[in-house]
PDB file of N, CA and C in Angstrom:
ATOM      1  N   MET A   1     117.136 120.091 319.231  1.00  0.00           N
ATOM      2  CA  MET A   1     116.395 119.240 318.350  1.00  0.00           C
ATOM      3  C   MET A   1     117.035 117.858 318.274  1.00  0.00           C
ATOM      4  N   TYR A   2     118.082 117.738 317.540  1.00  0.00           N
ATOM      5  CA  TYR A   2     118.810 116.475 317.507  1.00  0.00           C
ATOM      6  C   TYR A   2     120.300 116.769 317.486  1.00  0.00           C
ATOM      7  N   LYS A   3     121.044 115.809 317.969  1.00  0.00           N
ATOM      8  CA  LYS A   3     122.491 115.967 318.051  1.00  0.00           C
ATOM      9  C   LYS A   3     123.104 115.610 316.700  1.00  0.00           C
ATOM     10  N   LYS A   4     123.930 116.481 316.171  1.00  0.00           N
ATOM     11  CA  LYS A   4     124.578 116.220 314.893  1.00  0.00           C
ATOM     12  C   LYS A   4     125.659 115.164 315.113  1.00  0.00           C
ATOM     13  N   ILE A   5     125.615 114.126 314.280  1.00  0.00           N
ATOM     14  CA  ILE A   5     126.557 113.018 314.421  1.00  0.00           C
ATOM     15  C   ILE A   5     127.626 113.151 313.341  1.00  0.00           C
ATOM     16  N   ASN A   6     128.857 113.009 313.748  1.00  0.00           N
ATOM     17  CA  ASN A   6     129.965 113.037 312.803  1.00  0.00           C
ATOM     18  C   ASN A   6     130.156 111.620 312.275  1.00  0.00           C
ATOM     19  N   LEU A   7     129.598 111.352 311.096  1.00  0.00           N
ATOM     20  CA  LEU A   7     129.659 109.999 310.531  1.00  0.00           C
ATOM     21  C   LEU A   7     131.049 109.649 310.029  1.00  0.00           C
ATOM     22  N   GLU A   8     131.830 110.647 309.627  1.00  0.00           N
ATOM     23  CA  GLU A   8     133.180 110.392 309.132  1.00  0.00           C
ATOM     24  C   GLU A   8     134.081 109.818 310.229  1.00  0.00           C
ATOM     25  N   ALA A   9     133.893 110.267 311.460  1.00  0.00           N
ATOM     26  CA  ALA A   9     134.749 109.842 312.565  1.00  0.00           C
ATOM     27  C   ALA A   9     134.198 108.604 313.269  1.00  0.00           C
ATOM     28  N   MET A  10     132.960 108.183 312.963  1.00  0.00           N
ATOM     29  CA  MET A  10     132.314 107.065 313.655  1.00  0.00           C
ATOM     30  C   MET A  10     132.917 105.740 313.195  1.00  0.00           C
ATOM     31  N   PRO A  11     133.200 104.845 314.153  1.00  0.00           N
ATOM     32  CA  PRO A  11     133.719 103.521 313.779  1.00  0.00           C
ATOM     33  C   PRO A  11     132.672 102.734 312.971  1.00  0.00           C
ATOM     34  N   LEU A  12     133.141 101.822 312.184  1.00  0.00           N
ATOM     35  CA  LEU A  12     132.284 101.050 311.296  1.00  0.00           C
ATOM     36  C   LEU A  12     131.239 100.252 312.066  1.00  0.00           C
ATOM     37  N   ASP A  13     131.593  99.648 313.171  1.00  0.00           N
ATOM     38  CA  ASP A  13     130.639  98.849 313.962  1.00  0.00           C
ATOM     39  C   ASP A  13     129.493  99.716 314.491  1.00  0.00           C
ATOM     40  N   GLU A  14     129.822 100.903 315.002  1.00  0.00           N
ATOM     41  CA  GLU A  14     128.784 101.798 315.505  1.00  0.00           C
ATOM     42  C   GLU A  14     127.877 102.282 314.370  1.00  0.00           C
ATOM     43  N   MET A  15     128.491 102.574 313.220  1.00  0.00           N
ATOM     44  CA  MET A  15     127.722 103.028 312.076  1.00  0.00           C
ATOM     45  C   MET A  15     126.754 101.932 311.613  1.00  0.00           C
ATOM     46  N   TRP A  16     127.219 100.689 311.603  1.00  0.00           N
ATOM     47  CA  TRP A  16     126.367  99.570 311.198  1.00  0.00           C
ATOM     48  C   TRP A  16     125.219  99.378 312.197  1.00  0.00           C
ATOM     49  N   ALA A  17     125.493  99.509 313.480  1.00  0.00           N
ATOM     50  CA  ALA A  17     124.446  99.388 314.498  1.00  0.00           C
ATOM     51  C   ALA A  17     123.409 100.499 314.327  1.00  0.00           C
ATOM     52  N   LEU A  18     123.868 101.710 314.024  1.00  0.00           N
ATOM     53  CA  LEU A  18     122.966 102.828 313.780  1.00  0.00           C
ATOM     54  C   LEU A  18     122.091 102.558 312.547  1.00  0.00           C
ATOM     55  N   HIS A  19     122.703 102.010 311.526  1.00  0.00           N
ATOM     56  CA  HIS A  19     121.979 101.660 310.301  1.00  0.00           C
ATOM     57  C   HIS A  19     120.866 100.645 310.594  1.00  0.00           C
ATOM     58  N   GLU A  20     121.172  99.608 311.344  1.00  0.00           N
ATOM     59  CA  GLU A  20     120.176  98.585 311.685  1.00  0.00           C
ATOM     60  C   GLU A  20     119.052  99.163 312.538  1.00  0.00           C
ATOM     61  N   GLU A  21     119.398 100.042 313.480  1.00  0.00           N
ATOM     62  CA  GLU A  21     118.386 100.660 314.340  1.00  0.00           C
ATOM     63  C   GLU A  21     117.446 101.545 313.517  1.00  0.00           C
ATOM     64  N   ILE A  22     118.013 102.325 312.612  1.00  0.00           N
ATOM     65  CA  ILE A  22     117.193 103.183 311.752  1.00  0.00           C
ATOM     66  C   ILE A  22     116.295 102.331 310.857  1.00  0.00           C
ATOM     67  N   GLY A  23     116.838 101.254 310.318  1.00  0.00           N
ATOM     68  CA  GLY A  23     116.050 100.364 309.471  1.00  0.00           C
ATOM     69  C   GLY A  23     114.878  99.751 310.212  1.00  0.00           C
ATOM     70  N   GLN A  24     115.108  99.348 311.454  1.00  0.00           N
ATOM     71  CA  GLN A  24     114.050  98.748 312.260  1.00  0.00           C
ATOM     72  C   GLN A  24     112.962  99.785 312.584  1.00  0.00           C
ATOM     73  N   ILE A  25     113.361 100.987 312.960  1.00  0.00           N
ATOM     74  CA  ILE A  25     112.391 102.042 313.267  1.00  0.00           C
ATOM     75  C   ILE A  25     111.574 102.392 312.028  1.00  0.00           C
ATOM     76  N   LEU A  26     112.238 102.496 310.880  1.00  0.00           N
ATOM     77  CA  LEU A  26     111.534 102.793 309.634  1.00  0.00           C
ATOM     78  C   LEU A  26     110.532 101.696 309.286  1.00  0.00           C
ATOM     79  N   SER A  27     110.930 100.453 309.486  1.00  0.00           N
ATOM     80  CA  SER A  27     110.047  99.330 309.176  1.00  0.00           C
ATOM     81  C   SER A  27     108.781  99.372 310.023  1.00  0.00           C
ATOM     82  N   VAL A  28     108.944  99.638 311.310  1.00  0.00           N
ATOM     83  CA  VAL A  28     107.790  99.711 312.210  1.00  0.00           C
ATOM     84  C   VAL A  28     106.877 100.859 311.815  1.00  0.00           C
ATOM     85  N   ARG A  29     107.454 102.007 311.545  1.00  0.00           N
ATOM     86  CA  ARG A  29     106.639 103.175 311.178  1.00  0.00           C
ATOM     87  C   ARG A  29     105.916 102.965 309.847  1.00  0.00           C
ATOM     88  N   LEU A  30     106.599 102.370 308.882  1.00  0.00           N
ATOM     89  CA  LEU A  30     105.982 102.159 307.582  1.00  0.00           C
ATOM     90  C   LEU A  30     104.826 101.155 307.670  1.00  0.00           C
ATOM     91  N   THR A  31     104.999 100.087 308.433  1.00  0.00           N
ATOM     92  CA  THR A  31     103.907  99.111 308.552  1.00  0.00           C
ATOM     93  C   THR A  31     102.712  99.709 309.275  1.00  0.00           C
ATOM     94  N   SER A  32     102.955 100.522 310.315  1.00  0.00           N
ATOM     95  CA  SER A  32     101.825 101.139 311.009  1.00  0.00           C
ATOM     96  C   SER A  32     101.126 102.156 310.110  1.00  0.00           C
ATOM     97  N   GLU A  33     101.896 102.908 309.340  1.00  0.00           N
ATOM     98  CA  GLU A  33     101.318 103.868 308.393  1.00  0.00           C
ATOM     99  C   GLU A  33     100.497 103.135 307.319  1.00  0.00           C
ATOM    100  N   LYS A  34     101.023 102.026 306.839  1.00  0.00           N
ATOM    101  CA  LYS A  34     100.319 101.242 305.826  1.00  0.00           C
ATOM    102  C   LYS A  34      99.006 100.708 306.378  1.00  0.00           C
ATOM    103  N   ARG A  35      99.040 100.213 307.608  1.00  0.00           N
ATOM    104  CA  ARG A  35      97.823  99.693 308.255  1.00  0.00           C
ATOM    105  C   ARG A  35      96.756 100.785 308.367  1.00  0.00           C
ATOM    106  N   GLU A  36      97.165 101.973 308.763  1.00  0.00           N
ATOM    107  CA  GLU A  36      96.228 103.088 308.887  1.00  0.00           C
ATOM    108  C   GLU A  36      95.619 103.455 307.529  1.00  0.00           C
ATOM    109  N   LEU A  37      96.445 103.481 306.492  1.00  0.00           N
ATOM    110  CA  LEU A  37      95.947 103.804 305.158  1.00  0.00           C
ATOM    111  C   LEU A  37      94.988 102.733 304.643  1.00  0.00           C
ATOM    112  N   GLU A  38      95.295 101.461 304.917  1.00  0.00           N
ATOM    113  CA  GLU A  38      94.403 100.380 304.500  1.00  0.00           C
ATOM    114  C   GLU A  38      93.060 100.455 305.217  1.00  0.00           C
ATOM    115  N   LYS A  39      93.089 100.814 306.511  1.00  0.00           N
ATOM    116  CA  LYS A  39      91.834 100.984 307.250  1.00  0.00           C
ATOM    117  C   LYS A  39      91.008 102.104 306.639  1.00  0.00           C
ATOM    118  N   ARG A  40      91.646 103.204 306.325  1.00  0.00           N
ATOM    119  CA  ARG A  40      90.948 104.352 305.735  1.00  0.00           C
ATOM    120  C   ARG A  40      90.374 104.002 304.361  1.00  0.00           C
ATOM    121  N   LEU A  41      91.143 103.270 303.577  1.00  0.00           N
ATOM    122  CA  LEU A  41      90.685 102.847 302.255  1.00  0.00           C
ATOM    123  C   LEU A  41      89.484 101.920 302.362  1.00  0.00           C
ATOM    124  N   ALA A  42      89.524 100.992 303.308  1.00  0.00           N
ATOM    125  CA  ALA A  42      88.389 100.089 303.508  1.00  0.00           C
ATOM    126  C   ALA A  42      87.160 100.878 303.947  1.00  0.00           C
ATOM    127  N   GLN A  43      87.361 101.869 304.779  1.00  0.00           N
ATOM    128  CA  GLN A  43      86.259 102.707 305.237  1.00  0.00           C
ATOM    129  C   GLN A  43      85.669 103.489 304.061  1.00  0.00           C
ATOM    130  N   LEU A  44      86.517 104.042 303.208  1.00  0.00           N
ATOM    131  CA  LEU A  44      86.039 104.786 302.047  1.00  0.00           C
ATOM    132  C   LEU A  44      85.303 103.883 301.073  1.00  0.00           C
ATOM    133  N   ARG A  45      85.796 102.671 300.875  1.00  0.00           N
ATOM    134  CA  ARG A  45      85.118 101.715 299.990  1.00  0.00           C
ATOM    135  C   ARG A  45      83.742 101.361 300.520  1.00  0.00           C
ATOM    136  N   GLY A  46      83.650 101.156 301.818  1.00  0.00           N
ATOM    137  CA  GLY A  46      82.369 100.838 302.428  1.00  0.00           C
ATOM    138  C   GLY A  46      81.377 101.968 302.281  1.00  0.00           C
ATOM    139  N   GLU A  47      81.835 103.202 302.467  1.00  0.00           N
ATOM    140  CA  GLU A  47      80.959 104.361 302.318  1.00  0.00           C
ATOM    141  C   GLU A  47      80.498 104.509 300.878  1.00  0.00           C
ATOM    142  N   LYS A  48      81.383 104.268 299.935  1.00  0.00           N
ATOM    143  CA  LYS A  48      81.042 104.415 298.526  1.00  0.00           C
ATOM    144  C   LYS A  48      80.014 103.368 298.114  1.00  0.00           C
ATOM    145  N   GLU A  49      80.190 102.119 298.548  1.00  0.00           N
ATOM    146  CA  GLU A  49      79.264 101.053 298.178  1.00  0.00           C
ATOM    147  C   GLU A  49      77.881 101.288 298.769  1.00  0.00           C
ATOM    148  N   THR A  50      77.825 101.751 300.010  1.00  0.00           N
ATOM    149  CA  THR A  50      76.513 101.989 300.608  1.00  0.00           C
ATOM    150  C   THR A  50      75.852 103.204 299.981  1.00  0.00           C
ATOM    151  N   ALA A  51      76.633 104.187 299.562  1.00  0.00           N
ATOM    152  CA  ALA A  51      76.064 105.364 298.918  1.00  0.00           C
ATOM    153  C   ALA A  51      75.487 105.029 297.548  1.00  0.00           C
ATOM    154  N   LEU A  52      76.096 104.074 296.858  1.00  0.00           N
ATOM    155  CA  LEU A  52      75.617 103.678 295.543  1.00  0.00           C
ATOM    156  C   LEU A  52      74.514 102.640 295.617  1.00  0.00           C
ATOM    157  N   GLY A  53      74.235 102.134 296.794  1.00  0.00           N
ATOM    158  CA  GLY A  53      73.199 101.125 296.945  1.00  0.00           C
ATOM    159  C   GLY A  53      73.668  99.735 296.561  1.00  0.00           C
ATOM    160  N   GLU A  54      74.955  99.552 296.453  1.00  0.00           N
ATOM    161  CA  GLU A  54      75.492  98.245 296.097  1.00  0.00           C
ATOM    162  C   GLU A  54      75.667  97.407 297.342  1.00  0.00           C
ATOM    163  N   PRO A  55      75.673  96.078 297.185  1.00  0.00           N
ATOM    164  CA  PRO A  55      75.864  95.218 298.343  1.00  0.00           C
ATOM    165  C   PRO A  55      77.275  95.335 298.898  1.00  0.00           C
ATOM    166  N   GLY A  56      77.452  94.903 300.117  1.00  0.00           N
ATOM    167  CA  GLY A  56      78.760  94.947 300.757  1.00  0.00           C
ATOM    168  C   GLY A  56      79.695  93.911 300.173  1.00  0.00           C
ATOM    169  N   GLU A  57      80.844  93.730 300.810  1.00  0.00           N
ATOM    170  CA  GLU A  57      81.855  92.815 300.288  1.00  0.00           C
ATOM    171  C   GLU A  57      81.399  91.364 300.350  1.00  0.00           C
ATOM    172  N   GLY A  58      80.635  90.981 301.364  1.00  0.00           N
ATOM    173  CA  GLY A  58      80.231  89.596 301.536  1.00  0.00           C
ATOM    174  C   GLY A  58      79.223  89.130 300.507  1.00  0.00           C
ATOM    175  N   ALA A  59      78.330  89.997 300.103  1.00  0.00           N
ATOM    176  CA  ALA A  59      77.285  89.619 299.157  1.00  0.00           C
ATOM    177  C   ALA A  59      77.759  89.883 297.733  1.00  0.00           C
ATOM    178  N   SER A  60      77.297  89.057 296.811  1.00  0.00           N
ATOM    179  CA  SER A  60      77.628  89.276 295.408  1.00  0.00           C
ATOM    180  C   SER A  60      76.346  89.352 294.600  1.00  0.00           C
ATOM    181  N   ARG A  61      76.372  90.209 293.611  1.00  0.00           N
ATOM    182  CA  ARG A  61      75.188  90.378 292.785  1.00  0.00           C
ATOM    183  C   ARG A  61      75.066  89.214 291.816  1.00  0.00           C
ATOM    184  N   GLU A  62      73.828  88.888 291.485  1.00  0.00           N
ATOM    185  CA  GLU A  62      73.590  87.825 290.527  1.00  0.00           C
ATOM    186  C   GLU A  62      73.795  88.374 289.128  1.00  0.00           C
ATOM    187  N   ARG A  63      74.454  87.592 288.296  1.00  0.00           N
ATOM    188  CA  ARG A  63      74.700  88.026 286.924  1.00  0.00           C
ATOM    189  C   ARG A  63      73.431  87.967 286.100  1.00  0.00           C
ATOM    190  N   ARG A  64      73.312  88.879 285.185  1.00  0.00           N
ATOM    191  CA  ARG A  64      72.175  88.887 284.280  1.00  0.00           C
ATOM    192  C   ARG A  64      72.293  87.703 283.337  1.00  0.00           C
ATOM    193  N   LYS A  65      71.177  87.027 283.097  1.00  0.00           N
ATOM    194  CA  LYS A  65      71.202  85.863 282.227  1.00  0.00           C
ATOM    195  C   LYS A  65      71.005  86.305 280.786  1.00  0.00           C
ATOM    196  N   TYR A  66      71.895  85.865 279.934  1.00  0.00           N
ATOM    197  CA  TYR A  66      71.832  86.177 278.520  1.00  0.00           C
ATOM    198  C   TYR A  66      71.404  84.920 277.767  1.00  0.00           C
ATOM    199  N   PRO A  67      70.651  85.096 276.691  1.00  0.00           N
ATOM    200  CA  PRO A  67      70.274  83.912 275.913  1.00  0.00           C
ATOM    201  C   PRO A  67      71.495  83.324 275.206  1.00  0.00           C
ATOM    202  N   ARG A  68      71.466  82.037 274.981  1.00  0.00           N
ATOM    203  CA  ARG A  68      72.570  81.374 274.325  1.00  0.00           C
ATOM    204  C   ARG A  68      72.606  81.814 272.864  1.00  0.00           C
ATOM    205  N   VAL A  69      73.787  82.080 272.356  1.00  0.00           N
ATOM    206  CA  VAL A  69      73.961  82.498 270.974  1.00  0.00           C
ATOM    207  C   VAL A  69      74.426  81.290 270.178  1.00  0.00           C
ATOM    208  N   TYR A  70      73.651  80.915 269.173  1.00  0.00           N
ATOM    209  CA  TYR A  70      73.969  79.734 268.377  1.00  0.00           C
ATOM    210  C   TYR A  70      74.869  80.103 267.204  1.00  0.00           C
ATOM    211  N   PRO A  71      75.671  79.153 266.728  1.00  0.00           N
ATOM    212  CA  PRO A  71      76.580  79.452 265.618  1.00  0.00           C
ATOM    213  C   PRO A  71      75.825  79.718 264.323  1.00  0.00           C
ATOM    214  N   LYS A  72      76.351  80.639 263.533  1.00  0.00           N
ATOM    215  CA  LYS A  72      75.756  80.989 262.249  1.00  0.00           C
ATOM    216  C   LYS A  72      76.661  80.592 261.089  1.00  0.00           C
ATOM    217  N   TYR A  73      77.952  80.425 261.379  1.00  0.00           N
ATOM    218  CA  TYR A  73      78.918  80.117 260.330  1.00  0.00           C
ATOM    219  C   TYR A  73      79.720  78.885 260.740  1.00  0.00           C
ATOM    220  N   ARG A  74      80.055  78.059 259.740  1.00  0.00           N
ATOM    221  CA  ARG A  74      80.811  76.827 260.001  1.00  0.00           C
ATOM    222  C   ARG A  74      81.933  76.707 258.981  1.00  0.00           C
ATOM    223  N   ASN A  75      83.085  76.232 259.430  1.00  0.00           N
ATOM    224  CA  ASN A  75      84.222  75.982 258.568  1.00  0.00           C
ATOM    225  C   ASN A  75      83.975  74.666 257.835  1.00  0.00           C
ATOM    226  N   PRO A  76      83.848  74.677 256.504  1.00  0.00           N
ATOM    227  CA  PRO A  76      83.549  73.436 255.794  1.00  0.00           C
ATOM    228  C   PRO A  76      84.674  72.402 255.876  1.00  0.00           C
ATOM    229  N   SER A  77      85.907  72.838 255.987  1.00  0.00           N
ATOM    230  CA  SER A  77      87.010  71.881 256.068  1.00  0.00           C
ATOM    231  C   SER A  77      87.167  71.323 257.481  1.00  0.00           C
ATOM    232  N   GLU A  78      86.660  72.010 258.496  1.00  0.00           N
ATOM    233  CA  GLU A  78      86.724  71.553 259.896  1.00  0.00           C
ATOM    234  C   GLU A  78      85.386  71.881 260.545  1.00  0.00           C
ATOM    235  N   PRO A  79      84.378  71.002 260.460  1.00  0.00           N
ATOM    236  CA  PRO A  79      83.028  71.315 260.932  1.00  0.00           C
ATOM    237  C   PRO A  79      82.909  71.649 262.420  1.00  0.00           C
ATOM    238  N   SER A  80      83.887  71.293 263.212  1.00  0.00           N
ATOM    239  CA  SER A  80      83.803  71.624 264.637  1.00  0.00           C
ATOM    240  C   SER A  80      84.083  73.099 264.895  1.00  0.00           C
ATOM    241  N   GLN A  81      84.651  73.785 263.913  1.00  0.00           N
ATOM    242  CA  GLN A  81      84.946  75.217 264.057  1.00  0.00           C
ATOM    243  C   GLN A  81      83.739  76.020 263.582  1.00  0.00           C
ATOM    244  N   THR A  82      83.096  76.707 264.528  1.00  0.00           N
ATOM    245  CA  THR A  82      81.933  77.517 264.211  1.00  0.00           C
ATOM    246  C   THR A  82      82.116  78.912 264.765  1.00  0.00           C
ATOM    247  N   TRP A  83      81.252  79.821 264.314  1.00  0.00           N
ATOM    248  CA  TRP A  83      81.292  81.198 264.769  1.00  0.00           C
ATOM    249  C   TRP A  83      79.875  81.734 264.809  1.00  0.00           C
ATOM    250  N   SER A  84      79.530  82.452 265.861  1.00  0.00           N
ATOM    251  CA  SER A  84      78.175  82.959 266.037  1.00  0.00           C
ATOM    252  C   SER A  84      77.932  84.268 265.302  1.00  0.00           C
ATOM    253  N   GLY A  85      78.981  84.886 264.816  1.00  0.00           N
ATOM    254  CA  GLY A  85      78.836  86.171 264.152  1.00  0.00           C
ATOM    255  C   GLY A  85      79.080  87.332 265.087  1.00  0.00           C
ATOM    256  N   ARG A  86      79.387  87.040 266.333  1.00  0.00           N
ATOM    257  CA  ARG A  86      79.679  88.087 267.318  1.00  0.00           C
ATOM    258  C   ARG A  86      81.160  88.091 267.642  1.00  0.00           C
ATOM    259  N   GLY A  87      81.660  89.260 267.930  1.00  0.00           N
ATOM    260  CA  GLY A  87      83.064  89.372 268.319  1.00  0.00           C
ATOM    261  C   GLY A  87      83.979  89.331 267.109  1.00  0.00           C
ATOM    262  N   LYS A  88      85.247  89.115 267.373  1.00  0.00           N
ATOM    263  CA  LYS A  88      86.252  89.102 266.334  1.00  0.00           C
ATOM    264  C   LYS A  88      86.092  87.857 265.465  1.00  0.00           C
ATOM    265  N   GLN A  89      86.306  88.016 264.167  1.00  0.00           N
ATOM    266  CA  GLN A  89      86.197  86.876 263.265  1.00  0.00           C
ATOM    267  C   GLN A  89      87.286  85.864 263.586  1.00  0.00           C
ATOM    268  N   PRO A  90      86.955  84.573 263.521  1.00  0.00           N
ATOM    269  CA  PRO A  90      87.983  83.562 263.760  1.00  0.00           C
ATOM    270  C   PRO A  90      89.011  83.562 262.627  1.00  0.00           C
ATOM    271  N   ARG A  91      90.157  83.003 262.889  1.00  0.00           N
ATOM    272  CA  ARG A  91      91.250  83.024 261.914  1.00  0.00           C
ATOM    273  C   ARG A  91      90.883  82.291 260.632  1.00  0.00           C
ATOM    274  N   TRP A  92      90.191  81.164 260.790  1.00  0.00           N
ATOM    275  CA  TRP A  92      89.858  80.382 259.596  1.00  0.00           C
ATOM    276  C   TRP A  92      88.941  81.182 258.665  1.00  0.00           C
ATOM    277  N   LEU A  93      88.020  81.960 259.212  1.00  0.00           N
ATOM    278  CA  LEU A  93      87.100  82.748 258.390  1.00  0.00           C
ATOM    279  C   LEU A  93      87.819  83.953 257.783  1.00  0.00           C
ATOM    280  N   ALA A  94      88.631  84.620 258.568  1.00  0.00           N
ATOM    281  CA  ALA A  94      89.366  85.783 258.064  1.00  0.00           C
ATOM    282  C   ALA A  94      90.295  85.368 256.932  1.00  0.00           C
ATOM    283  N   ALA A  95      90.949  84.210 257.065  1.00  0.00           N
ATOM    284  CA  ALA A  95      91.848  83.730 256.009  1.00  0.00           C
ATOM    285  C   ALA A  95      91.068  83.397 254.747  1.00  0.00           C
ATOM    286  N   ALA A  96      89.904  82.785 254.902  1.00  0.00           N
ATOM    287  CA  ALA A  96      89.085  82.436 253.738  1.00  0.00           C
ATOM    288  C   ALA A  96      88.565  83.686 253.044  1.00  0.00           C
ATOM    289  N   LEU A  97      88.193  84.694 253.796  1.00  0.00           N
ATOM    290  CA  LEU A  97      87.701  85.939 253.193  1.00  0.00           C
ATOM    291  C   LEU A  97      88.813  86.677 252.450  1.00  0.00           C
ATOM    292  N   ARG A  98      90.041  86.565 252.948  1.00  0.00           N
ATOM    293  CA  ARG A  98      91.178  87.198 252.270  1.00  0.00           C
ATOM    294  C   ARG A  98      91.457  86.542 250.922  1.00  0.00           C
ATOM    295  N   THR A  99      91.137  85.249 250.806  1.00  0.00           N
ATOM    296  CA  THR A  99      91.378  84.551 249.536  1.00  0.00           C
ATOM    297  C   THR A  99      90.292  84.831 248.509  1.00  0.00           C
ATOM    298  N   GLY A 100      89.265  85.604 248.876  1.00  0.00           N
ATOM    299  CA  GLY A 100      88.243  85.997 247.927  1.00  0.00           C
ATOM    300  C   GLY A 100      86.909  85.296 248.101  1.00  0.00           C
ATOM    301  N   ARG A 101      86.805  84.424 249.073  1.00  0.00           N
ATOM    302  CA  ARG A 101      85.534  83.741 249.309  1.00  0.00           C
ATOM    303  C   ARG A 101      84.556  84.683 249.989  1.00  0.00           C
ATOM    304  N   SER A 102      83.275  84.386 249.892  1.00  0.00           N
ATOM    305  CA  SER A 102      82.230  85.212 250.476  1.00  0.00           C
ATOM    306  C   SER A 102      81.809  84.622 251.818  1.00  0.00           C
ATOM    307  N   ILE A 103      81.369  85.481 252.727  1.00  0.00           N
ATOM    308  CA  ILE A 103      80.928  85.013 254.039  1.00  0.00           C
ATOM    309  C   ILE A 103      79.651  84.170 253.927  1.00  0.00           C
ATOM    310  N   ASP A 104      78.886  84.396 252.855  1.00  0.00           N
ATOM    311  CA  ASP A 104      77.657  83.624 252.647  1.00  0.00           C
ATOM    312  C   ASP A 104      77.936  82.148 252.388  1.00  0.00           C
ATOM    313  N   GLU A 105      79.146  81.816 251.969  1.00  0.00           N
ATOM    314  CA  GLU A 105      79.510  80.416 251.723  1.00  0.00           C
ATOM    315  C   GLU A 105      79.620  79.626 253.028  1.00  0.00           C
ATOM    316  N   PHE A 106      79.770  80.301 254.143  1.00  0.00           N
ATOM    317  CA  PHE A 106      79.990  79.635 255.418  1.00  0.00           C
ATOM    318  C   PHE A 106      78.747  79.600 256.310  1.00  0.00           C
ATOM    319  N   VAL A 107      77.637  80.150 255.833  1.00  0.00           N
ATOM    320  CA  VAL A 107      76.412  80.182 256.631  1.00  0.00           C
ATOM    321  C   VAL A 107      75.924  78.753 256.845  1.00  0.00           C
ATOM    322  N   ILE A 108      75.501  78.443 258.061  1.00  0.00           N
ATOM    323  CA  ILE A 108      74.970  77.117 258.371  1.00  0.00           C
ATOM    324  C   ILE A 108      73.609  77.008 257.695  1.00  0.00           C
ATOM    325  N   ALA A 109      73.427  75.951 256.905  1.00  0.00           N
ATOM    326  CA  ALA A 109      72.280  75.840 255.999  1.00  0.00           C
ATOM    327  C   ALA A 109      70.937  75.817 256.713  1.00  0.00           C
ATOM    328  N   ASN A 110      70.737  74.982 257.698  1.00  0.00           N
ATOM    329  CA  ASN A 110      69.425  74.823 258.334  1.00  0.00           C
ATOM    330  C   ASN A 110      69.276  75.729 259.547  1.00  0.00           C
ATOM    331  N   GLN A 111      69.795  76.930 259.463  1.00  0.00           N
ATOM    332  CA  GLN A 111      69.727  77.862 260.588  1.00  0.00           C
ATOM    333  C   GLN A 111      68.301  78.320 260.836  1.00  0.00           C
ATOM    334  N   GLU A 112      67.517  78.574 259.771  1.00  0.00           N
ATOM    335  CA  GLU A 112      66.153  79.067 259.944  1.00  0.00           C
ATOM    336  C   GLU A 112      65.252  78.014 260.575  1.00  0.00           C
ATOM    337  N   THR A 113      65.387  76.765 260.180  1.00  0.00           N
ATOM    338  CA  THR A 113      64.505  75.709 260.695  1.00  0.00           C
ATOM    339  C   THR A 113      65.115  74.976 261.871  1.00  0.00           C
ATOM    340  N   GLY A 114      66.363  75.260 262.197  1.00  0.00           N
ATOM    341  CA  GLY A 114      67.058  74.511 263.247  1.00  0.00           C
ATOM    342  C   GLY A 114      66.762  75.031 264.636  1.00  0.00           C
ATOM    343  N   GLU A 115      67.704  74.765 265.496  1.00  0.00           N
ATOM    344  CA  GLU A 115      67.502  75.056 266.917  1.00  0.00           C
ATOM    345  C   GLU A 115      67.536  76.531 267.249  1.00  0.00           C
ATOM    346  N   GLY A 116      68.010  77.385 266.355  1.00  0.00           N
ATOM    347  CA  GLY A 116      68.110  78.803 266.626  1.00  0.00           C
ATOM    348  C   GLY A 116      66.775  79.472 266.892  1.00  0.00           C
ATOM    349  N   THR A 117      65.740  79.185 266.074  1.00  0.00           N
ATOM    350  CA  THR A 117      64.459  79.862 266.236  1.00  0.00           C
ATOM    351  C   THR A 117      63.573  79.173 267.260  1.00  0.00           C
ATOM    352  N   SER A 118      63.728  77.876 267.446  1.00  0.00           N
ATOM    353  CA  SER A 118      62.843  77.172 268.369  1.00  0.00           C
ATOM    354  C   SER A 118      63.135  77.518 269.819  1.00  0.00           C
ATOM    355  N   ARG A 119      64.339  77.942 270.117  1.00  0.00           N
ATOM    356  CA  ARG A 119      64.693  78.246 271.510  1.00  0.00           C
ATOM    357  C   ARG A 119      64.629  79.723 271.811  1.00  0.00           C
ATOM    358  N   ARG A 120      64.247  80.526 270.837  1.00  0.00           N
ATOM    359  CA  ARG A 120      64.129  81.957 271.109  1.00  0.00           C
ATOM    360  C   ARG A 120      62.950  82.253 271.986  1.00  0.00           C
ATOM    361  N   ARG A 121      63.071  83.321 272.724  1.00  0.00           N
ATOM    362  CA  ARG A 121      61.984  83.745 273.599  1.00  0.00           C
ATOM    363  C   ARG A 121      60.899  84.359 272.751  1.00  0.00           C
ATOM    364  N   ARG A 122      59.705  83.911 272.944  1.00  0.00           N
ATOM    365  CA  ARG A 122      58.574  84.428 272.168  1.00  0.00           C
ATOM    366  C   ARG A 122      57.917  85.561 272.944  1.00  0.00           C
ATOM    367  N   ALA A 123      57.557  86.635 272.225  1.00  0.00           N
ATOM    368  CA  ALA A 123      56.956  87.798 272.865  1.00  0.00           C
ATOM    369  C   ALA A 123      55.462  87.651 273.020  1.00  0.00           C
TER     370      ALA A 123
END
């Protein structure tokens, strides 16, 4: 099978040369193994995408268009800070609510007659 090497008796220079040779062989084998695995993975990805009816890697799907969400709440001390009512509450609103203020105090006044209803999709 293979010849047993007595490493204890081997000179340092020979041992170092053996180490470099083993390192080089391992590097070549690992890169070829990696290449084969990457090819297989790409093949599996391609099969999965075609099975699901999704486009390939080159094509990208168009994103669904969502209507614009207009702000419903405004910070009275800083009017540029607004919030649509979706997602996490902004810090300024959370801090104001902790002090005992009501969320109704921050509602934008002309929301019903403003741009919010005029741009909605009519059925």
